[in-house]
Amino acid sequence: MLKKSIITALTIAIAFSLREYFSTGNIRWISSVLFAMIIFAFYFLWEWAKEPYDWHKKKR
């Protein structure tokens, strides 16, 4: 789950950085890294929320 989230965030960040480089000629690194971190957090929480909680755990 963590590896998939990192790969997704890096892929999106690279894609947006390349788009920005080809359209303006320079890259704003702060916005690219911040956007990648937001995507990582959102995707990580999304994947984490999809796994069901085991309500039948034995209590100690």
N, C-alpha and C. Protein backbone atom coordinates (compact mmCIF):
# COMPACT_ATOMS: atom_id res chain seq x y z
N MET A 1 0.83 -1.18 0.00
CA MET A 1 0.00 0.00 0.00
C MET A 1 0.88 1.26 0.00
N LEU A 2 1.92 1.26 0.81
CA LEU A 2 2.80 2.42 0.88
C LEU A 2 3.59 2.60 -0.42
N LYS A 3 4.08 1.48 -0.96
CA LYS A 3 4.86 1.54 -2.19
C LYS A 3 4.00 2.05 -3.35
N LYS A 4 2.78 1.59 -3.41
CA LYS A 4 1.86 2.01 -4.47
C LYS A 4 1.54 3.50 -4.36
N SER A 5 1.39 3.99 -3.14
CA SER A 5 1.11 5.41 -2.92
C SER A 5 2.29 6.27 -3.33
N ILE A 6 3.49 5.84 -3.00
CA ILE A 6 4.69 6.59 -3.37
C ILE A 6 4.87 6.63 -4.88
N ILE A 7 4.67 5.49 -5.54
CA ILE A 7 4.83 5.43 -6.99
C ILE A 7 3.80 6.32 -7.67
N THR A 8 2.56 6.29 -7.20
CA THR A 8 1.51 7.12 -7.79
C THR A 8 1.82 8.61 -7.62
N ALA A 9 2.25 9.01 -6.43
CA ALA A 9 2.57 10.42 -6.19
C ALA A 9 3.75 10.88 -7.02
N LEU A 10 4.79 10.05 -7.13
CA LEU A 10 5.95 10.43 -7.93
C LEU A 10 5.61 10.51 -9.41
N THR A 11 4.80 9.61 -9.89
CA THR A 11 4.40 9.63 -11.30
C THR A 11 3.62 10.90 -11.63
N ILE A 12 2.69 11.26 -10.77
CA ILE A 12 1.91 12.47 -11.00
C ILE A 12 2.78 13.71 -10.89
N ALA A 13 3.69 13.73 -9.92
CA ALA A 13 4.59 14.89 -9.76
C ALA A 13 5.51 15.05 -10.96
N ILE A 14 6.04 13.95 -11.47
CA ILE A 14 6.90 14.02 -12.65
C ILE A 14 6.11 14.49 -13.87
N ALA A 15 4.90 13.98 -14.02
CA ALA A 15 4.08 14.38 -15.15
C ALA A 15 3.76 15.88 -15.10
N PHE A 16 3.38 16.39 -13.95
CA PHE A 16 3.07 17.81 -13.83
C PHE A 16 4.32 18.67 -13.98
N SER A 17 5.46 18.18 -13.49
CA SER A 17 6.71 18.93 -13.65
C SER A 17 7.11 19.02 -15.12
N LEU A 18 6.98 17.93 -15.83
CA LEU A 18 7.30 17.93 -17.27
C LEU A 18 6.35 18.84 -18.04
N ARG A 19 5.07 18.80 -17.69
CA ARG A 19 4.10 19.67 -18.35
C ARG A 19 4.45 21.13 -18.10
N GLU A 20 4.82 21.44 -16.87
CA GLU A 20 5.18 22.81 -16.53
C GLU A 20 6.47 23.24 -17.24
N TYR A 21 7.43 22.33 -17.33
CA TYR A 21 8.69 22.65 -18.00
C TYR A 21 8.48 22.92 -19.49
N PHE A 22 7.67 22.09 -20.14
CA PHE A 22 7.46 22.28 -21.57
C PHE A 22 6.55 23.46 -21.88
N SER A 23 5.69 23.85 -20.95
CA SER A 23 4.81 24.98 -21.23
C SER A 23 5.45 26.33 -20.88
N THR A 24 6.22 26.40 -19.77
CA THR A 24 6.79 27.68 -19.36
C THR A 24 8.31 27.74 -19.47
N GLY A 25 8.96 26.62 -19.51
CA GLY A 25 10.41 26.60 -19.62
C GLY A 25 11.13 26.46 -18.29
N ASN A 26 10.40 26.56 -17.18
CA ASN A 26 11.01 26.33 -15.88
C ASN A 26 10.02 25.59 -14.99
N ILE A 27 10.55 25.06 -13.87
CA ILE A 27 9.72 24.27 -12.97
C ILE A 27 9.72 24.95 -11.60
N ARG A 28 8.56 25.12 -11.03
CA ARG A 28 8.44 25.61 -9.65
C ARG A 28 8.45 24.39 -8.74
N TRP A 29 9.61 24.12 -8.13
CA TRP A 29 9.80 22.89 -7.37
C TRP A 29 8.96 22.84 -6.11
N ILE A 30 8.75 23.96 -5.47
CA ILE A 30 7.97 23.94 -4.23
C ILE A 30 6.55 23.50 -4.50
N SER A 31 5.94 24.03 -5.53
CA SER A 31 4.56 23.63 -5.85
C SER A 31 4.50 22.19 -6.32
N SER A 32 5.51 21.72 -7.06
CA SER A 32 5.52 20.34 -7.52
C SER A 32 5.66 19.36 -6.37
N VAL A 33 6.56 19.66 -5.44
CA VAL A 33 6.77 18.77 -4.29
C VAL A 33 5.56 18.80 -3.35
N LEU A 34 5.00 19.97 -3.14
CA LEU A 34 3.82 20.09 -2.29
C LEU A 34 2.64 19.33 -2.90
N PHE A 35 2.46 19.44 -4.19
CA PHE A 35 1.39 18.72 -4.88
C PHE A 35 1.60 17.22 -4.76
N ALA A 36 2.84 16.75 -4.89
CA ALA A 36 3.14 15.32 -4.76
C ALA A 36 2.84 14.83 -3.34
N MET A 37 3.14 15.64 -2.35
CA MET A 37 2.87 15.24 -0.96
C MET A 37 1.37 15.17 -0.68
N ILE A 38 0.62 16.09 -1.25
CA ILE A 38 -0.84 16.07 -1.08
C ILE A 38 -1.43 14.84 -1.76
N ILE A 39 -0.97 14.55 -2.97
CA ILE A 39 -1.45 13.36 -3.68
C ILE A 39 -1.10 12.10 -2.91
N PHE A 40 0.13 12.04 -2.37
CA PHE A 40 0.55 10.87 -1.58
C PHE A 40 -0.36 10.68 -0.37
N ALA A 41 -0.60 11.74 0.37
CA ALA A 41 -1.44 11.64 1.57
C ALA A 41 -2.86 11.22 1.23
N PHE A 42 -3.43 11.83 0.20
CA PHE A 42 -4.79 11.48 -0.20
C PHE A 42 -4.88 10.03 -0.66
N TYR A 43 -3.95 9.59 -1.50
CA TYR A 43 -4.00 8.23 -2.03
C TYR A 43 -3.74 7.21 -0.92
N PHE A 44 -2.78 7.52 -0.02
CA PHE A 44 -2.50 6.62 1.09
C PHE A 44 -3.72 6.45 1.97
N LEU A 45 -4.40 7.55 2.33
CA LEU A 45 -5.60 7.46 3.14
C LEU A 45 -6.74 6.76 2.41
N TRP A 46 -6.82 6.96 1.13
CA TRP A 46 -7.86 6.30 0.33
C TRP A 46 -7.67 4.78 0.36
N GLU A 47 -6.44 4.31 0.15
CA GLU A 47 -6.15 2.87 0.19
C GLU A 47 -6.33 2.31 1.60
N TRP A 48 -5.94 3.07 2.61
CA TRP A 48 -6.08 2.63 3.98
C TRP A 48 -7.55 2.48 4.36
N ALA A 49 -8.39 3.38 3.89
CA ALA A 49 -9.82 3.34 4.23
C ALA A 49 -10.55 2.20 3.53
N LYS A 50 -10.01 1.70 2.44
CA LYS A 50 -10.68 0.62 1.72
C LYS A 50 -10.54 -0.73 2.41
N GLU A 51 -9.55 -0.90 3.31
CA GLU A 51 -9.38 -2.18 3.99
C GLU A 51 -10.33 -2.25 5.18
N PRO A 52 -11.09 -3.34 5.27
CA PRO A 52 -12.06 -3.44 6.36
C PRO A 52 -11.39 -3.71 7.71
N TYR A 53 -12.02 -3.24 8.75
CA TYR A 53 -11.52 -3.44 10.11
C TYR A 53 -11.98 -4.81 10.60
N ASP A 54 -11.11 -5.53 11.27
CA ASP A 54 -11.46 -6.84 11.81
C ASP A 54 -12.09 -6.67 13.19
N TRP A 55 -13.41 -6.74 13.24
CA TRP A 55 -14.14 -6.53 14.49
C TRP A 55 -14.10 -7.75 15.40
N HIS A 56 -13.65 -8.88 14.89
CA HIS A 56 -13.65 -10.10 15.67
C HIS A 56 -12.28 -10.45 16.23
N LYS A 57 -11.47 -9.47 16.49
CA LYS A 57 -10.19 -9.70 17.10
C LYS A 57 -10.38 -10.18 18.54
N LYS A 58 -9.52 -11.07 18.95
CA LYS A 58 -9.62 -11.55 20.33
C LYS A 58 -9.06 -10.49 21.27
N LYS A 59 -9.80 -10.21 22.31
CA LYS A 59 -9.35 -9.22 23.29
C LYS A 59 -8.37 -9.88 24.25
N ARG A 60 -7.39 -9.12 24.67
CA ARG A 60 -6.37 -9.67 25.58
C ARG A 60 -6.83 -9.58 27.00
